[in-house]
PDB file of N, CA and C in Angstrom:
ATOM      1  N   LEU A   1       6.546 -22.882  -1.455  1.00  0.00           N
ATOM      2  CA  LEU A   1       6.408 -21.729  -0.749  1.00  0.00           C
ATOM      3  C   LEU A   1       4.996 -21.531   0.119  1.00  0.00           C
ATOM      4  N   LYS A   2       5.378 -20.135   0.764  1.00  0.00           N
ATOM      5  CA  LYS A   2       4.344 -19.814   2.044  1.00  0.00           C
ATOM      6  C   LYS A   2       3.459 -18.798   1.103  1.00  0.00           C
ATOM      7  N   ASN A   3       2.362 -19.243   0.968  1.00  0.00           N
ATOM      8  CA  ASN A   3       1.019 -18.673   0.319  1.00  0.00           C
ATOM      9  C   ASN A   3       1.624 -18.420  -1.290  1.00  0.00           C
ATOM     10  N   PRO A   4       1.599 -19.650  -1.921  1.00  0.00           N
ATOM     11  CA  PRO A   4       1.724 -19.140  -3.423  1.00  0.00           C
ATOM     12  C   PRO A   4       0.844 -18.353  -4.495  1.00  0.00           C
ATOM     13  N   ASP A   5      -0.394 -17.972  -3.550  1.00  0.00           N
ATOM     14  CA  ASP A   5      -1.317 -16.522  -4.647  1.00  0.00           C
ATOM     15  C   ASP A   5      -0.599 -15.411  -4.672  1.00  0.00           C
ATOM     16  N   ALA A   6       0.336 -15.406  -3.196  1.00  0.00           N
ATOM     17  CA  ALA A   6       0.709 -14.104  -3.740  1.00  0.00           C
ATOM     18  C   ALA A   6       2.226 -13.542  -4.092  1.00  0.00           C
ATOM     19  N   THR A   7       2.565 -14.899  -4.912  1.00  0.00           N
ATOM     20  CA  THR A   7       3.841 -15.016  -5.103  1.00  0.00           C
ATOM     21  C   THR A   7       4.017 -15.161  -6.797  1.00  0.00           C
ATOM     22  N   TYR A   8       4.667 -14.032  -7.170  1.00  0.00           N
ATOM     23  CA  TYR A   8       4.973 -14.213  -9.041  1.00  0.00           C
ATOM     24  C   TYR A   8       5.943 -13.781  -9.442  1.00  0.00           C
ATOM     25  N   LEU A   9       6.766 -14.103 -10.902  1.00  0.00           N
ATOM     26  CA  LEU A   9       7.917 -13.683 -11.256  1.00  0.00           C
ATOM     27  C   LEU A   9       7.891 -12.571 -12.430  1.00  0.00           C
ATOM     28  N   VAL A  10       8.851 -12.172 -12.299  1.00  0.00           N
ATOM     29  CA  VAL A  10       9.028 -10.804 -13.342  1.00  0.00           C
ATOM     30  C   VAL A  10      10.553 -10.977 -13.527  1.00  0.00           C
ATOM     31  N   ARG A  11      10.984 -10.973 -14.973  1.00  0.00           N
ATOM     32  CA  ARG A  11      12.261 -10.755 -16.071  1.00  0.00           C
ATOM     33  C   ARG A  11      12.816  -8.938 -15.986  1.00  0.00           C
ATOM     34  N   VAL A  12      13.908  -9.287 -15.409  1.00  0.00           N
ATOM     35  CA  VAL A  12      14.234  -7.642 -15.446  1.00  0.00           C
ATOM     36  C   VAL A  12      14.642  -7.395 -17.177  1.00  0.00           C
ATOM     37  N   LYS A  13      14.655  -6.075 -17.798  1.00  0.00           N
ATOM     38  CA  LYS A  13      14.907  -5.507 -18.984  1.00  0.00           C
ATOM     39  C   LYS A  13      15.424  -4.620 -18.868  1.00  0.00           C
ATOM     40  N   GLY A  14      15.588  -4.115 -17.791  1.00  0.00           N
ATOM     41  CA  GLY A  14      16.238  -2.472 -17.827  1.00  0.00           C
ATOM     42  C   GLY A  14      17.584  -3.242 -16.838  1.00  0.00           C
ATOM     43  N   ASP A  15      18.260  -1.372 -16.738  1.00  0.00           N
ATOM     44  CA  ASP A  15      19.765  -1.455 -16.156  1.00  0.00           C
ATOM     45  C   ASP A  15      19.757  -0.688 -15.147  1.00  0.00           C
ATOM     46  N   SER A  16      18.582  -0.286 -14.369  1.00  0.00           N
ATOM     47  CA  SER A  16      18.731   0.866 -13.360  1.00  0.00           C
ATOM     48  C   SER A  16      19.063   0.132 -12.386  1.00  0.00           C
ATOM     49  N   MET A  17      18.577  -1.228 -12.010  1.00  0.00           N
ATOM     50  CA  MET A  17      19.088  -1.723 -10.805  1.00  0.00           C
ATOM     51  C   MET A  17      20.615  -2.677 -11.025  1.00  0.00           C
ATOM     52  N   TYR A  18      21.338  -2.200 -11.569  1.00  0.00           N
ATOM     53  CA  TYR A  18      22.885  -3.209 -11.874  1.00  0.00           C
ATOM     54  C   TYR A  18      23.658  -2.207 -10.936  1.00  0.00           C
ATOM     55  N   PRO A  19      24.586  -2.999 -10.359  1.00  0.00           N
ATOM     56  CA  PRO A  19      25.029  -4.616 -10.588  1.00  0.00           C
ATOM     57  C   PRO A  19      23.937  -5.067  -9.809  1.00  0.00           C
ATOM     58  N   THR A  20      23.080  -5.032  -9.325  1.00  0.00           N
ATOM     59  CA  THR A  20      22.143  -5.689  -8.231  1.00  0.00           C
ATOM     60  C   THR A  20      21.175  -6.889  -8.677  1.00  0.00           C
ATOM     61  N   LEU A  21      20.716  -6.135  -9.792  1.00  0.00           N
ATOM     62  CA  LEU A  21      19.738  -6.504 -10.887  1.00  0.00           C
ATOM     63  C   LEU A  21      20.436  -6.987 -12.056  1.00  0.00           C
ATOM     64  N   GLN A  22      20.792  -7.943 -12.668  1.00  0.00           N
ATOM     65  CA  GLN A  22      20.901  -7.719 -14.232  1.00  0.00           C
ATOM     66  C   GLN A  22      19.998  -8.302 -15.407  1.00  0.00           C
ATOM     67  N   LYS A  23      19.822  -7.803 -16.533  1.00  0.00           N
ATOM     68  CA  LYS A  23      18.943  -8.005 -17.110  1.00  0.00           C
ATOM     69  C   LYS A  23      18.919  -9.365 -17.706  1.00  0.00           C
ATOM     70  N   GLY A  24      17.912 -10.437 -17.699  1.00  0.00           N
ATOM     71  CA  GLY A  24      17.118 -11.382 -17.576  1.00  0.00           C
ATOM     72  C   GLY A  24      17.340 -12.043 -16.346  1.00  0.00           C
ATOM     73  N   ASP A  25      17.347 -10.940 -15.136  1.00  0.00           N
ATOM     74  CA  ASP A  25      17.323 -12.055 -13.492  1.00  0.00           C
ATOM     75  C   ASP A  25      16.112 -12.337 -13.846  1.00  0.00           C
ATOM     76  N   LEU A  26      15.383 -13.668 -13.319  1.00  0.00           N
ATOM     77  CA  LEU A  26      14.362 -13.870 -13.002  1.00  0.00           C
ATOM     78  C   LEU A  26      13.684 -13.417 -11.323  1.00  0.00           C
ATOM     79  N   LEU A  27      12.909 -12.136 -11.397  1.00  0.00           N
ATOM     80  CA  LEU A  27      12.773 -12.020  -9.519  1.00  0.00           C
ATOM     81  C   LEU A  27      11.892 -12.764  -9.225  1.00  0.00           C
ATOM     82  N   ILE A  28      11.649 -13.231  -8.218  1.00  0.00           N
ATOM     83  CA  ILE A  28      10.557 -13.384  -7.345  1.00  0.00           C
ATOM     84  C   ILE A  28       9.962 -12.974  -6.201  1.00  0.00           C
ATOM     85  N   VAL A  29       9.032 -12.282  -6.901  1.00  0.00           N
ATOM     86  CA  VAL A  29       7.980 -11.364  -5.795  1.00  0.00           C
ATOM     87  C   VAL A  29       7.026 -11.579  -5.171  1.00  0.00           C
ATOM     88  N   LYS A  30       6.665 -10.817  -3.715  1.00  0.00           N
ATOM     89  CA  LYS A  30       5.575 -11.594  -3.248  1.00  0.00           C
ATOM     90  C   LYS A  30       5.015 -10.393  -2.686  1.00  0.00           C
ATOM     91  N   SER A  31       3.408 -10.422  -3.346  1.00  0.00           N
ATOM     92  CA  SER A  31       2.641  -9.209  -2.740  1.00  0.00           C
ATOM     93  C   SER A  31       2.156  -9.641  -1.452  1.00  0.00           C
ATOM     94  N   ASP A  32       2.404  -9.940  -1.110  1.00  0.00           N
ATOM     95  CA  ASP A  32       1.497  -9.831   0.831  1.00  0.00           C
ATOM     96  C   ASP A  32       2.591  -9.610   1.503  1.00  0.00           C
ATOM     97  N   LYS A  33       4.166  -8.398   1.063  1.00  0.00           N
ATOM     98  CA  LYS A  33       4.816  -8.058   1.812  1.00  0.00           C
ATOM     99  C   LYS A  33       5.011  -6.403   1.551  1.00  0.00           C
ATOM    100  N   GLU A  34       5.036  -5.976   3.087  1.00  0.00           N
ATOM    101  CA  GLU A  34       5.186  -4.771   3.113  1.00  0.00           C
ATOM    102  C   GLU A  34       6.683  -3.763   2.628  1.00  0.00           C
ATOM    103  N   LEU A  35       6.191  -2.606   1.485  1.00  0.00           N
ATOM    104  CA  LEU A  35       7.538  -1.735   1.041  1.00  0.00           C
ATOM    105  C   LEU A  35       7.809  -1.219   2.238  1.00  0.00           C
ATOM    106  N   THR A  36       9.159  -1.583   2.917  1.00  0.00           N
ATOM    107  CA  THR A  36       9.841  -1.172   3.789  1.00  0.00           C
ATOM    108  C   THR A  36      11.419  -0.868   3.284  1.00  0.00           C
ATOM    109  N   ASP A  37      12.160   0.272   4.465  1.00  0.00           N
ATOM    110  CA  ASP A  37      13.288   0.906   4.046  1.00  0.00           C
ATOM    111  C   ASP A  37      14.021  -0.019   3.463  1.00  0.00           C
ATOM    112  N   ASN A  38      15.211   0.248   2.447  1.00  0.00           N
ATOM    113  CA  ASN A  38      16.132  -0.172   2.003  1.00  0.00           C
ATOM    114  C   ASN A  38      15.483  -2.135   0.519  1.00  0.00           C
ATOM    115  N   LYS A  39      14.244  -2.330   0.742  1.00  0.00           N
ATOM    116  CA  LYS A  39      13.692  -3.163   0.304  1.00  0.00           C
ATOM    117  C   LYS A  39      13.544  -2.817  -1.319  1.00  0.00           C
ATOM    118  N   ILE A  40      13.945  -3.561  -2.068  1.00  0.00           N
ATOM    119  CA  ILE A  40      13.650  -3.512  -3.545  1.00  0.00           C
ATOM    120  C   ILE A  40      11.815  -3.902  -3.859  1.00  0.00           C
ATOM    121  N   GLY A  41      11.088  -3.063  -4.571  1.00  0.00           N
ATOM    122  CA  GLY A  41       9.909  -3.263  -4.896  1.00  0.00           C
ATOM    123  C   GLY A  41       9.410  -3.164  -6.605  1.00  0.00           C
ATOM    124  N   VAL A  42       8.501  -3.698  -6.708  1.00  0.00           N
ATOM    125  CA  VAL A  42       8.166  -3.479  -7.913  1.00  0.00           C
ATOM    126  C   VAL A  42       6.936  -2.617  -7.914  1.00  0.00           C
ATOM    127  N   LEU A  43       6.954  -1.326  -8.492  1.00  0.00           N
ATOM    128  CA  LEU A  43       6.398  -0.280  -8.135  1.00  0.00           C
ATOM    129  C   LEU A  43       5.795   0.232  -9.512  1.00  0.00           C
ATOM    130  N   SER A  44       4.758   1.510  -9.639  1.00  0.00           N
ATOM    131  CA  SER A  44       4.115   2.312 -10.360  1.00  0.00           C
ATOM    132  C   SER A  44       4.290   3.597  -9.471  1.00  0.00           C
ATOM    133  N   PHE A  45       5.254   4.146 -10.488  1.00  0.00           N
ATOM    134  CA  PHE A  45       5.142   5.969  -9.980  1.00  0.00           C
ATOM    135  C   PHE A  45       4.659   6.752 -10.967  1.00  0.00           C
ATOM    136  N   ASN A  46       3.044   7.134 -10.243  1.00  0.00           N
ATOM    137  CA  ASN A  46       2.354   8.293 -10.827  1.00  0.00           C
ATOM    138  C   ASN A  46       1.606   7.475 -12.098  1.00  0.00           C
ATOM    139  N   ASN A  47       1.268   6.497 -11.449  1.00  0.00           N
ATOM    140  CA  ASN A  47       0.558   5.585 -12.794  1.00  0.00           C
ATOM    141  C   ASN A  47       1.566   5.461 -14.063  1.00  0.00           C
ATOM    142  N   THR A  48       2.678   5.232 -13.953  1.00  0.00           N
ATOM    143  CA  THR A  48       3.641   5.023 -15.173  1.00  0.00           C
ATOM    144  C   THR A  48       3.685   3.727 -14.874  1.00  0.00           C
ATOM    145  N   ASP A  49       4.282   3.127 -16.037  1.00  0.00           N
ATOM    146  CA  ASP A  49       5.078   2.039 -16.270  1.00  0.00           C
ATOM    147  C   ASP A  49       5.630   1.115 -14.986  1.00  0.00           C
ATOM    148  N   PHE A  50       5.962   0.485 -14.787  1.00  0.00           N
ATOM    149  CA  PHE A  50       6.173  -0.703 -13.384  1.00  0.00           C
ATOM    150  C   PHE A  50       7.736  -0.605 -13.904  1.00  0.00           C
ATOM    151  N   THR A  51       8.507  -0.367 -12.604  1.00  0.00           N
ATOM    152  CA  THR A  51       9.765  -0.142 -12.495  1.00  0.00           C
ATOM    153  C   THR A  51      10.180  -0.583 -11.514  1.00  0.00           C
ATOM    154  N   VAL A  52      11.229  -1.432 -11.418  1.00  0.00           N
ATOM    155  CA  VAL A  52      11.818  -1.848  -9.787  1.00  0.00           C
ATOM    156  C   VAL A  52      12.850  -0.875  -9.256  1.00  0.00           C
ATOM    157  N   LYS A  53      12.565  -0.355  -8.279  1.00  0.00           N
ATOM    158  CA  LYS A  53      13.514   0.290  -7.374  1.00  0.00           C
ATOM    159  C   LYS A  53      13.905   0.195  -5.880  1.00  0.00           C
ATOM    160  N   ARG A  54      14.727   0.475  -5.495  1.00  0.00           N
ATOM    161  CA  ARG A  54      14.764   0.317  -3.782  1.00  0.00           C
ATOM    162  C   ARG A  54      14.412   1.391  -3.472  1.00  0.00           C
ATOM    163  N   TYR A  55      13.755   1.257  -1.844  1.00  0.00           N
ATOM    164  CA  TYR A  55      12.911   2.620  -1.098  1.00  0.00           C
ATOM    165  C   TYR A  55      14.073   2.974   0.069  1.00  0.00           C
ATOM    166  N   ASN A  56      13.908   3.782  -0.119  1.00  0.00           N
ATOM    167  CA  ASN A  56      14.904   4.669   0.902  1.00  0.00           C
ATOM    168  C   ASN A  56      13.605   5.660   1.918  1.00  0.00           C
ATOM    169  N   LYS A  57      13.326   5.077   2.889  1.00  0.00           N
ATOM    170  CA  LYS A  57      12.465   5.788   3.545  1.00  0.00           C
ATOM    171  C   LYS A  57      12.843   6.923   4.224  1.00  0.00           C
ATOM    172  N   LYS A  58      14.052   7.087   4.841  1.00  0.00           N
ATOM    173  CA  LYS A  58      14.341   8.499   5.509  1.00  0.00           C
ATOM    174  C   LYS A  58      14.208   9.684   4.541  1.00  0.00           C
ATOM    175  N   ASN A  59      15.002   9.381   3.183  1.00  0.00           N
ATOM    176  CA  ASN A  59      14.734  10.732   2.026  1.00  0.00           C
ATOM    177  C   ASN A  59      13.558  10.408   1.586  1.00  0.00           C
ATOM    178  N   ASN A  60      12.502   9.556   1.696  1.00  0.00           N
ATOM    179  CA  ASN A  60      11.600   9.232   0.906  1.00  0.00           C
ATOM    180  C   ASN A  60      11.945   8.900  -0.598  1.00  0.00           C
ATOM    181  N   THR A  61      12.766   8.155  -1.158  1.00  0.00           N
ATOM    182  CA  THR A  61      13.074   8.128  -2.332  1.00  0.00           C
ATOM    183  C   THR A  61      13.526   6.845  -2.867  1.00  0.00           C
ATOM    184  N   LEU A  62      12.939   6.655  -4.499  1.00  0.00           N
ATOM    185  CA  LEU A  62      13.373   5.257  -4.815  1.00  0.00           C
ATOM    186  C   LEU A  62      14.731   5.593  -5.317  1.00  0.00           C
ATOM    187  N   ILE A  63      15.087   4.360  -5.040  1.00  0.00           N
ATOM    188  CA  ILE A  63      16.734   4.308  -5.696  1.00  0.00           C
ATOM    189  C   ILE A  63      17.163   3.775  -7.237  1.00  0.00           C
ATOM    190  N   ALA A  64      18.012   4.009  -7.413  1.00  0.00           N
ATOM    191  CA  ALA A  64      18.445   3.204  -8.942  1.00  0.00           C
ATOM    192  C   ALA A  64      19.486   2.873  -8.346  1.00  0.00           C
ATOM    193  N   ASP A  65      20.343   1.486  -8.618  1.00  0.00           N
ATOM    194  CA  ASP A  65      21.099   1.062  -7.653  1.00  0.00           C
ATOM    195  C   ASP A  65      22.483   1.494  -8.954  1.00  0.00           C
ATOM    196  N   ASN A  66      22.432   1.504  -9.830  1.00  0.00           N
ATOM    197  CA  ASN A  66      23.144   2.068 -11.059  1.00  0.00           C
ATOM    198  C   ASN A  66      23.093   3.620 -11.513  1.00  0.00           C
ATOM    199  N   ASP A  67      24.566   3.756 -10.825  1.00  0.00           N
ATOM    200  CA  ASP A  67      24.563   5.671 -10.855  1.00  0.00           C
ATOM    201  C   ASP A  67      24.203   6.407 -12.083  1.00  0.00           C
ATOM    202  N   SER A  68      24.144   5.587 -13.162  1.00  0.00           N
ATOM    203  CA  SER A  68      23.783   6.345 -14.308  1.00  0.00           C
ATOM    204  C   SER A  68      22.100   7.003 -14.792  1.00  0.00           C
ATOM    205  N   PHE A  69      21.634   5.919 -13.881  1.00  0.00           N
ATOM    206  CA  PHE A  69      19.755   6.314 -13.932  1.00  0.00           C
ATOM    207  C   PHE A  69      19.744   7.222 -12.622  1.00  0.00           C
ATOM    208  N   PRO A  70      18.339   8.183 -12.885  1.00  0.00           N
ATOM    209  CA  PRO A  70      17.927   9.109 -11.468  1.00  0.00           C
ATOM    210  C   PRO A  70      17.530   8.471 -10.816  1.00  0.00           C
ATOM    211  N   ASN A  71      17.673   8.755  -9.599  1.00  0.00           N
ATOM    212  CA  ASN A  71      16.341   8.208  -8.084  1.00  0.00           C
ATOM    213  C   ASN A  71      15.291   9.295  -8.064  1.00  0.00           C
ATOM    214  N   ILE A  72      14.132   8.930  -7.663  1.00  0.00           N
ATOM    215  CA  ILE A  72      12.833   9.762  -7.808  1.00  0.00           C
ATOM    216  C   ILE A  72      12.300   9.583  -6.393  1.00  0.00           C
ATOM    217  N   LYS A  73      12.705  11.216  -6.171  1.00  0.00           N
ATOM    218  CA  LYS A  73      12.172  11.532  -5.162  1.00  0.00           C
ATOM    219  C   LYS A  73      10.857  11.830  -5.022  1.00  0.00           C
ATOM    220  N   ILE A  74      10.006  11.346  -3.867  1.00  0.00           N
ATOM    221  CA  ILE A  74       8.562  11.164  -3.683  1.00  0.00           C
ATOM    222  C   ILE A  74       7.955  12.338  -2.953  1.00  0.00           C
ATOM    223  N   GLU A  75       7.466  12.944  -3.679  1.00  0.00           N
ATOM    224  CA  GLU A  75       6.557  14.324  -3.398  1.00  0.00           C
ATOM    225  C   GLU A  75       5.613  13.798  -2.773  1.00  0.00           C
ATOM    226  N   LYS A  76       4.940  15.051  -1.977  1.00  0.00           N
ATOM    227  CA  LYS A  76       3.768  14.968  -1.291  1.00  0.00           C
ATOM    228  C   LYS A  76       2.321  14.546  -2.563  1.00  0.00           C
ATOM    229  N   ASP A  77       2.215  15.135  -3.551  1.00  0.00           N
ATOM    230  CA  ASP A  77       1.284  14.729  -4.552  1.00  0.00           C
ATOM    231  C   ASP A  77       1.220  13.541  -5.167  1.00  0.00           C
ATOM    232  N   ASP A  78       2.712  12.658  -5.274  1.00  0.00           N
ATOM    233  CA  ASP A  78       3.279  11.230  -6.188  1.00  0.00           C
ATOM    234  C   ASP A  78       2.043  10.432  -5.361  1.00  0.00           C
ATOM    235  N   THR A  79       1.628   9.402  -6.441  1.00  0.00           N
ATOM    236  CA  THR A  79       1.059   8.258  -5.653  1.00  0.00           C
ATOM    237  C   THR A  79       2.350   6.885  -6.458  1.00  0.00           C
ATOM    238  N   ILE A  80       2.120   6.192  -5.339  1.00  0.00           N
ATOM    239  CA  ILE A  80       3.497   5.105  -5.779  1.00  0.00           C
ATOM    240  C   ILE A  80       2.225   3.668  -5.697  1.00  0.00           C
ATOM    241  N   LEU A  81       2.655   2.949  -6.099  1.00  0.00           N
ATOM    242  CA  LEU A  81       1.227   1.389  -6.288  1.00  0.00           C
ATOM    243  C   LEU A  81       2.654   0.503  -6.023  1.00  0.00           C
ATOM    244  N   CYS A  82       2.639  -0.593  -4.944  1.00  0.00           N
ATOM    245  CA  CYS A  82       3.945  -1.513  -4.772  1.00  0.00           C
ATOM    246  C   CYS A  82       2.636  -2.454  -4.929  1.00  0.00           C
ATOM    247  N   LEU A  83       3.169  -3.632  -6.287  1.00  0.00           N
ATOM    248  CA  LEU A  83       2.913  -5.021  -6.684  1.00  0.00           C
ATOM    249  C   LEU A  83       3.499  -5.984  -5.730  1.00  0.00           C
ATOM    250  N   GLY A  84       4.750  -5.631  -4.884  1.00  0.00           N
ATOM    251  CA  GLY A  84       5.239  -6.720  -4.645  1.00  0.00           C
ATOM    252  C   GLY A  84       6.715  -6.048  -4.124  1.00  0.00           C
ATOM    253  N   ILE A  85       7.592  -6.798  -3.479  1.00  0.00           N
ATOM    254  CA  ILE A  85       8.881  -6.986  -2.523  1.00  0.00           C
ATOM    255  C   ILE A  85       9.496  -8.044  -3.603  1.00  0.00           C
ATOM    256  N   VAL A  86      10.773  -7.614  -4.353  1.00  0.00           N
ATOM    257  CA  VAL A  86      12.092  -8.936  -4.741  1.00  0.00           C
ATOM    258  C   VAL A  86      12.445  -9.344  -3.583  1.00  0.00           C
ATOM    259  N   LEU A  87      12.172 -10.520  -3.340  1.00  0.00           N
ATOM    260  CA  LEU A  87      12.831 -11.678  -1.875  1.00  0.00           C
ATOM    261  C   LEU A  87      13.915 -11.974  -2.743  1.00  0.00           C
ATOM    262  N   HIS A  88      13.733 -12.809  -3.972  1.00  0.00           N
ATOM    263  CA  HIS A  88      15.261 -13.516  -4.472  1.00  0.00           C
ATOM    264  C   HIS A  88      15.411 -13.083  -5.943  1.00  0.00           C
ATOM    265  N   PHE A  89      16.207 -13.664  -6.496  1.00  0.00           N
ATOM    266  CA  PHE A  89      16.143 -13.745  -7.781  1.00  0.00           C
ATOM    267  C   PHE A  89      17.090 -14.783  -8.721  1.00  0.00           C
ATOM    268  N   ILE A  90      16.695 -15.521  -9.376  1.00  0.00           N
ATOM    269  CA  ILE A  90      17.773 -16.283 -10.268  1.00  0.00           C
ATOM    270  C   ILE A  90      18.655 -15.827 -11.620  1.00  0.00           C
ATOM    271  N   ARG A  91      19.402 -16.239 -11.421  1.00  0.00           N
ATOM    272  CA  ARG A  91      20.544 -15.407 -12.617  1.00  0.00           C
ATOM    273  C   ARG A  91      20.861 -16.777 -13.395  1.00  0.00           C
ATOM    274  N   ASP A  92      21.212 -16.599 -14.328  1.00  0.00           N
ATOM    275  CA  ASP A  92      21.822 -18.041 -15.520  1.00  0.00           C
ATOM    276  C   ASP A  92      23.115 -17.753 -15.773  1.00  0.00           C
ATOM    277  N   LEU A  93      23.593 -18.508 -15.302  1.00  0.00           N
ATOM    278  CA  LEU A  93      25.580 -18.367 -15.246  1.00  0.00           C
ATOM    279  C   LEU A  93      26.087 -18.414 -16.681  1.00  0.00           C
TER     280      LEU A  93
END
């Protein structure tokens, strides 16, 4: 691993990113990468619990890949804290 101090693992618990990410997947997250368009990040929205969502730069929105979950429109006064970018995942067969 390049820069192992900026790498951590997170286990998926919810369904908002299904089918891309599934419950139990182990995410490999890099905290030294910038959140850019269409990347999946580990995020806190307005100082709430952390979530995993895809970033849509054009529409300034956090996207849930599962259509059953709402997307989050980022407004001017909202606070987004990105703890890292999901680069890979491990899934049990």
